[in-house]
């Protein structure tokens, strides 16, 4: 379940993906979820993950494991970024499945 405030941006991004003929780049069976109350790196002394608020989602999770070289279609990443999401594949330690919503309307 994702936070309801995220849904318009997510729907718009997915419409953009479909309009570009890129729906095949998302494997619905490999969706890693959105809401998951937890700490970043599972460290109780750390910060809460964006998943805790339902404003992060994991797409194509098995092919984009944390710490491995990301394998997401660049146009998929661009479509989500254009709608206010940050991609974890750009991080120092990549999390290629992870997209978090950071540009609130």
N, C-alpha and C. Protein backbone atom coordinates (compact mmCIF):
# COMPACT_ATOMS: atom_id res chain seq x y z
N UNK A 1 0.85 -1.18 0.00
CA UNK A 1 0.00 0.00 0.00
C UNK A 1 0.89 1.23 0.00
N UNK A 2 0.57 2.17 -0.87
CA UNK A 2 1.31 3.43 -0.92
C UNK A 2 0.46 4.54 -0.30
N UNK A 3 1.12 5.57 0.17
CA UNK A 3 0.43 6.74 0.74
C UNK A 3 -0.44 7.36 -0.35
N UNK A 4 -1.65 7.75 0.00
CA UNK A 4 -2.59 8.27 -0.99
C UNK A 4 -2.09 9.55 -1.67
N UNK A 5 -1.26 10.34 -0.98
CA UNK A 5 -0.74 11.56 -1.58
C UNK A 5 0.23 11.26 -2.73
N UNK A 6 0.83 10.10 -2.71
CA UNK A 6 1.78 9.68 -3.74
C UNK A 6 1.08 9.20 -5.01
N UNK A 7 -0.14 8.73 -4.89
CA UNK A 7 -0.81 8.05 -5.99
C UNK A 7 -0.95 8.88 -7.27
N UNK A 8 -1.31 10.17 -7.22
CA UNK A 8 -1.41 10.91 -8.49
C UNK A 8 -0.08 10.96 -9.25
N UNK A 9 1.03 11.15 -8.55
CA UNK A 9 2.33 11.20 -9.22
C UNK A 9 2.73 9.83 -9.75
N UNK A 10 2.45 8.79 -8.98
CA UNK A 10 2.77 7.44 -9.43
C UNK A 10 1.93 7.05 -10.64
N UNK A 11 0.64 7.34 -10.57
CA UNK A 11 -0.23 7.05 -11.73
C UNK A 11 0.25 7.79 -12.98
N UNK A 12 0.60 9.07 -12.81
CA UNK A 12 1.07 9.87 -13.95
C UNK A 12 2.35 9.28 -14.52
N UNK A 13 3.27 8.89 -13.66
CA UNK A 13 4.53 8.31 -14.12
C UNK A 13 4.28 7.00 -14.88
N UNK A 14 3.38 6.17 -14.35
CA UNK A 14 3.09 4.90 -15.02
C UNK A 14 2.37 5.12 -16.35
N UNK A 15 1.53 6.16 -16.43
CA UNK A 15 0.90 6.51 -17.71
C UNK A 15 1.97 6.94 -18.71
N UNK A 16 2.94 7.73 -18.24
CA UNK A 16 4.04 8.15 -19.11
C UNK A 16 4.82 6.94 -19.62
N UNK A 17 5.09 6.00 -18.74
CA UNK A 17 5.81 4.78 -19.11
C UNK A 17 5.02 4.01 -20.18
N UNK A 18 3.74 3.84 -19.96
CA UNK A 18 2.90 3.12 -20.92
C UNK A 18 2.84 3.86 -22.26
N UNK A 19 2.71 5.19 -22.22
CA UNK A 19 2.63 5.99 -23.45
C UNK A 19 3.92 5.89 -24.27
N UNK A 20 5.03 5.68 -23.60
CA UNK A 20 6.31 5.54 -24.28
C UNK A 20 6.57 4.09 -24.75
N UNK A 21 5.60 3.22 -24.51
CA UNK A 21 5.74 1.82 -24.91
C UNK A 21 6.71 1.04 -24.04
N UNK A 22 6.83 1.46 -22.78
CA UNK A 22 7.81 0.86 -21.88
C UNK A 22 7.19 0.03 -20.76
N UNK A 23 5.92 -0.28 -20.87
CA UNK A 23 5.26 -1.05 -19.81
C UNK A 23 5.97 -2.39 -19.59
N UNK A 24 6.57 -2.93 -20.63
CA UNK A 24 7.27 -4.22 -20.51
C UNK A 24 8.48 -4.14 -19.56
N UNK A 25 8.94 -2.94 -19.24
CA UNK A 25 10.13 -2.80 -18.39
C UNK A 25 9.81 -2.97 -16.90
N UNK A 26 8.53 -3.07 -16.56
CA UNK A 26 8.11 -3.28 -15.17
C UNK A 26 7.51 -4.67 -15.06
N UNK A 27 8.07 -5.48 -14.20
CA UNK A 27 7.55 -6.82 -13.94
C UNK A 27 6.65 -6.77 -12.71
N UNK A 28 5.32 -6.82 -12.91
CA UNK A 28 4.40 -6.75 -11.76
C UNK A 28 4.65 -7.84 -10.72
N UNK A 29 5.16 -8.99 -11.16
CA UNK A 29 5.44 -10.08 -10.23
C UNK A 29 6.69 -9.80 -9.40
N UNK A 30 7.45 -8.79 -9.79
CA UNK A 30 8.70 -8.46 -9.09
C UNK A 30 8.59 -7.12 -8.36
N UNK A 31 7.37 -6.76 -7.99
CA UNK A 31 7.12 -5.55 -7.23
C UNK A 31 7.48 -5.81 -5.77
N UNK A 32 8.36 -4.98 -5.22
CA UNK A 32 8.84 -5.20 -3.86
C UNK A 32 8.05 -4.51 -2.78
N UNK A 33 7.02 -3.77 -3.16
CA UNK A 33 6.17 -3.14 -2.17
C UNK A 33 6.44 -1.66 -1.98
N UNK A 34 5.60 -1.06 -1.15
CA UNK A 34 5.64 0.37 -0.88
C UNK A 34 5.72 0.59 0.64
N UNK A 35 4.63 0.36 1.33
CA UNK A 35 4.60 0.57 2.79
C UNK A 35 5.27 -0.59 3.51
N UNK A 36 6.26 -0.26 4.30
CA UNK A 36 6.94 -1.25 5.13
C UNK A 36 7.62 -0.51 6.26
N UNK A 37 7.02 -0.50 7.45
CA UNK A 37 7.61 0.27 8.55
C UNK A 37 8.94 -0.33 8.99
N UNK A 38 10.00 0.44 8.75
CA UNK A 38 11.33 -0.04 9.11
C UNK A 38 12.33 1.12 9.13
N UNK A 39 13.48 0.83 9.70
CA UNK A 39 14.58 1.79 9.72
C UNK A 39 15.47 1.58 8.49
N UNK A 40 16.15 2.65 8.08
CA UNK A 40 17.13 2.53 7.00
C UNK A 40 18.22 1.58 7.46
N UNK A 41 18.60 0.67 6.60
CA UNK A 41 19.61 -0.37 6.91
C UNK A 41 19.21 -1.23 8.10
N UNK A 42 17.91 -1.22 8.43
CA UNK A 42 17.40 -2.03 9.55
C UNK A 42 18.09 -1.67 10.87
N UNK A 43 18.61 -0.44 10.95
CA UNK A 43 19.33 0.02 12.14
C UNK A 43 18.37 0.81 13.04
N UNK A 44 17.96 0.25 14.18
CA UNK A 44 17.01 0.94 15.06
C UNK A 44 17.52 2.28 15.59
N UNK A 45 18.82 2.52 15.50
CA UNK A 45 19.36 3.80 15.93
C UNK A 45 19.38 4.83 14.80
N UNK A 46 18.96 4.40 13.61
CA UNK A 46 19.00 5.28 12.44
C UNK A 46 17.67 5.95 12.16
N UNK A 47 17.56 6.45 10.95
CA UNK A 47 16.34 7.14 10.52
C UNK A 47 15.32 6.14 9.96
N UNK A 48 14.06 6.57 9.96
CA UNK A 48 13.02 5.75 9.37
C UNK A 48 13.13 5.79 7.85
N UNK A 49 12.90 4.66 7.24
CA UNK A 49 12.88 4.56 5.79
C UNK A 49 11.67 5.29 5.23
N UNK A 50 11.78 5.78 4.00
CA UNK A 50 10.62 6.37 3.32
C UNK A 50 9.51 5.33 3.13
N UNK A 51 9.87 4.05 3.14
CA UNK A 51 8.86 2.99 3.09
C UNK A 51 7.94 3.05 4.31
N UNK A 52 8.46 3.54 5.43
CA UNK A 52 7.65 3.64 6.65
C UNK A 52 6.46 4.56 6.47
N UNK A 53 6.57 5.50 5.56
CA UNK A 53 5.49 6.46 5.31
C UNK A 53 4.70 6.10 4.05
N UNK A 54 5.11 5.03 3.38
CA UNK A 54 4.41 4.63 2.15
C UNK A 54 4.72 5.53 0.98
N UNK A 55 5.89 6.20 1.01
CA UNK A 55 6.24 7.11 -0.08
C UNK A 55 7.49 6.63 -0.83
N UNK A 56 7.76 5.34 -0.75
CA UNK A 56 8.84 4.73 -1.52
C UNK A 56 8.32 3.40 -2.05
N UNK A 57 8.81 3.00 -3.21
CA UNK A 57 8.40 1.72 -3.75
C UNK A 57 9.60 1.04 -4.39
N UNK A 58 9.52 -0.28 -4.48
CA UNK A 58 10.58 -1.09 -5.07
C UNK A 58 10.03 -1.77 -6.32
N UNK A 59 10.68 -1.50 -7.45
CA UNK A 59 10.27 -2.01 -8.76
C UNK A 59 11.37 -2.92 -9.29
N UNK A 60 10.97 -4.06 -9.86
CA UNK A 60 11.92 -5.04 -10.41
C UNK A 60 12.97 -5.39 -9.35
N UNK A 61 12.49 -5.79 -8.20
CA UNK A 61 13.34 -5.97 -7.02
C UNK A 61 14.41 -7.04 -7.18
N UNK A 62 14.08 -8.20 -7.70
CA UNK A 62 15.07 -9.29 -7.78
C UNK A 62 16.24 -8.93 -8.69
N UNK A 63 15.98 -8.22 -9.77
CA UNK A 63 17.03 -7.86 -10.73
C UNK A 63 17.83 -6.65 -10.28
N UNK A 64 17.43 -6.00 -9.19
CA UNK A 64 18.06 -4.76 -8.74
C UNK A 64 18.30 -4.78 -7.24
N UNK A 65 18.95 -5.81 -6.77
CA UNK A 65 19.20 -5.98 -5.34
C UNK A 65 20.08 -4.85 -4.80
N UNK A 66 19.87 -4.52 -3.56
CA UNK A 66 20.66 -3.49 -2.88
C UNK A 66 22.14 -3.80 -3.00
N UNK A 67 22.94 -2.80 -3.39
CA UNK A 67 24.39 -2.95 -3.46
C UNK A 67 24.91 -3.53 -4.76
N UNK A 68 24.02 -3.91 -5.67
CA UNK A 68 24.46 -4.46 -6.96
C UNK A 68 24.28 -3.41 -8.05
N UNK A 69 24.89 -3.65 -9.21
CA UNK A 69 24.76 -2.72 -10.33
C UNK A 69 23.30 -2.72 -10.79
N UNK A 70 22.68 -1.54 -10.83
CA UNK A 70 21.27 -1.45 -11.21
C UNK A 70 21.02 -1.86 -12.66
N UNK A 71 19.86 -2.45 -12.87
CA UNK A 71 19.47 -2.89 -14.21
C UNK A 71 18.03 -2.44 -14.50
N UNK A 72 17.81 -1.14 -14.41
CA UNK A 72 16.50 -0.57 -14.76
C UNK A 72 16.63 0.12 -16.12
N UNK A 73 15.57 0.09 -16.87
CA UNK A 73 15.52 0.80 -18.15
C UNK A 73 15.67 2.30 -17.86
N UNK A 74 16.66 2.97 -18.47
CA UNK A 74 16.87 4.40 -18.20
C UNK A 74 15.62 5.26 -18.44
N UNK A 75 14.81 4.91 -19.42
CA UNK A 75 13.59 5.70 -19.67
C UNK A 75 12.55 5.51 -18.57
N UNK A 76 12.53 4.34 -17.94
CA UNK A 76 11.66 4.11 -16.80
C UNK A 76 12.10 5.01 -15.64
N UNK A 77 13.40 5.02 -15.39
CA UNK A 77 13.95 5.86 -14.32
C UNK A 77 13.62 7.32 -14.60
N UNK A 78 13.82 7.78 -15.82
CA UNK A 78 13.55 9.18 -16.18
C UNK A 78 12.09 9.54 -15.99
N UNK A 79 11.19 8.62 -16.35
CA UNK A 79 9.75 8.90 -16.19
C UNK A 79 9.38 9.10 -14.73
N UNK A 80 9.94 8.30 -13.85
CA UNK A 80 9.66 8.45 -12.42
C UNK A 80 10.33 9.71 -11.86
N UNK A 81 11.54 9.98 -12.29
CA UNK A 81 12.23 11.18 -11.82
C UNK A 81 11.48 12.44 -12.24
N UNK A 82 10.92 12.44 -13.44
CA UNK A 82 10.17 13.60 -13.93
C UNK A 82 8.92 13.87 -13.10
N UNK A 83 8.46 12.87 -12.36
CA UNK A 83 7.26 13.01 -11.53
C UNK A 83 7.59 13.15 -10.05
N UNK A 84 8.86 13.46 -9.73
CA UNK A 84 9.21 13.77 -8.35
C UNK A 84 9.82 12.66 -7.54
N UNK A 85 10.25 11.58 -8.20
CA UNK A 85 10.87 10.47 -7.50
C UNK A 85 12.39 10.54 -7.62
N UNK A 86 13.07 10.11 -6.57
CA UNK A 86 14.52 9.93 -6.59
C UNK A 86 14.77 8.44 -6.75
N UNK A 87 15.78 8.10 -7.57
CA UNK A 87 16.10 6.71 -7.82
C UNK A 87 17.30 6.28 -6.99
N UNK A 88 17.15 5.19 -6.26
CA UNK A 88 18.23 4.66 -5.44
C UNK A 88 19.41 4.13 -6.23
N UNK A 89 19.24 3.91 -7.52
CA UNK A 89 20.34 3.45 -8.36
C UNK A 89 21.44 4.48 -8.52
N UNK A 90 21.14 5.74 -8.21
CA UNK A 90 22.14 6.82 -8.31
C UNK A 90 22.96 6.99 -7.03
N UNK A 91 22.66 6.24 -5.99
CA UNK A 91 23.31 6.41 -4.70
C UNK A 91 24.70 5.76 -4.69
N UNK A 92 25.53 6.19 -3.75
CA UNK A 92 26.89 5.66 -3.60
C UNK A 92 26.85 4.13 -3.50
N UNK A 93 25.99 3.62 -2.64
CA UNK A 93 25.72 2.17 -2.60
C UNK A 93 24.35 2.02 -3.27
N UNK A 94 24.33 1.54 -4.51
CA UNK A 94 23.08 1.55 -5.27
C UNK A 94 21.98 0.66 -4.69
N UNK A 95 20.77 1.17 -4.85
CA UNK A 95 19.55 0.43 -4.49
C UNK A 95 18.62 0.58 -5.70
N UNK A 96 18.95 -0.14 -6.77
CA UNK A 96 18.32 0.05 -8.06
C UNK A 96 16.84 -0.21 -8.13
N UNK A 97 16.29 -0.95 -7.20
CA UNK A 97 14.85 -1.20 -7.19
C UNK A 97 14.07 -0.04 -6.58
N UNK A 98 14.76 0.83 -5.84
CA UNK A 98 14.13 1.80 -4.95
C UNK A 98 13.86 3.15 -5.62
N UNK A 99 12.62 3.59 -5.51
CA UNK A 99 12.21 4.92 -5.95
C UNK A 99 11.46 5.56 -4.78
N UNK A 100 11.88 6.76 -4.38
CA UNK A 100 11.17 7.43 -3.29
C UNK A 100 10.70 8.79 -3.75
N UNK A 101 9.51 9.12 -3.33
CA UNK A 101 8.86 10.37 -3.71
C UNK A 101 9.35 11.48 -2.80
N UNK A 102 9.94 12.52 -3.40
CA UNK A 102 10.52 13.60 -2.60
C UNK A 102 10.03 14.99 -3.01
N UNK A 103 9.34 15.10 -4.12
CA UNK A 103 8.85 16.41 -4.57
C UNK A 103 7.35 16.49 -4.33
N UNK A 104 7.00 17.01 -3.18
CA UNK A 104 5.59 17.10 -2.79
C UNK A 104 4.95 18.30 -3.46
N UNK A 105 3.69 18.16 -3.91
CA UNK A 105 3.03 19.29 -4.60
C UNK A 105 2.74 20.45 -3.66
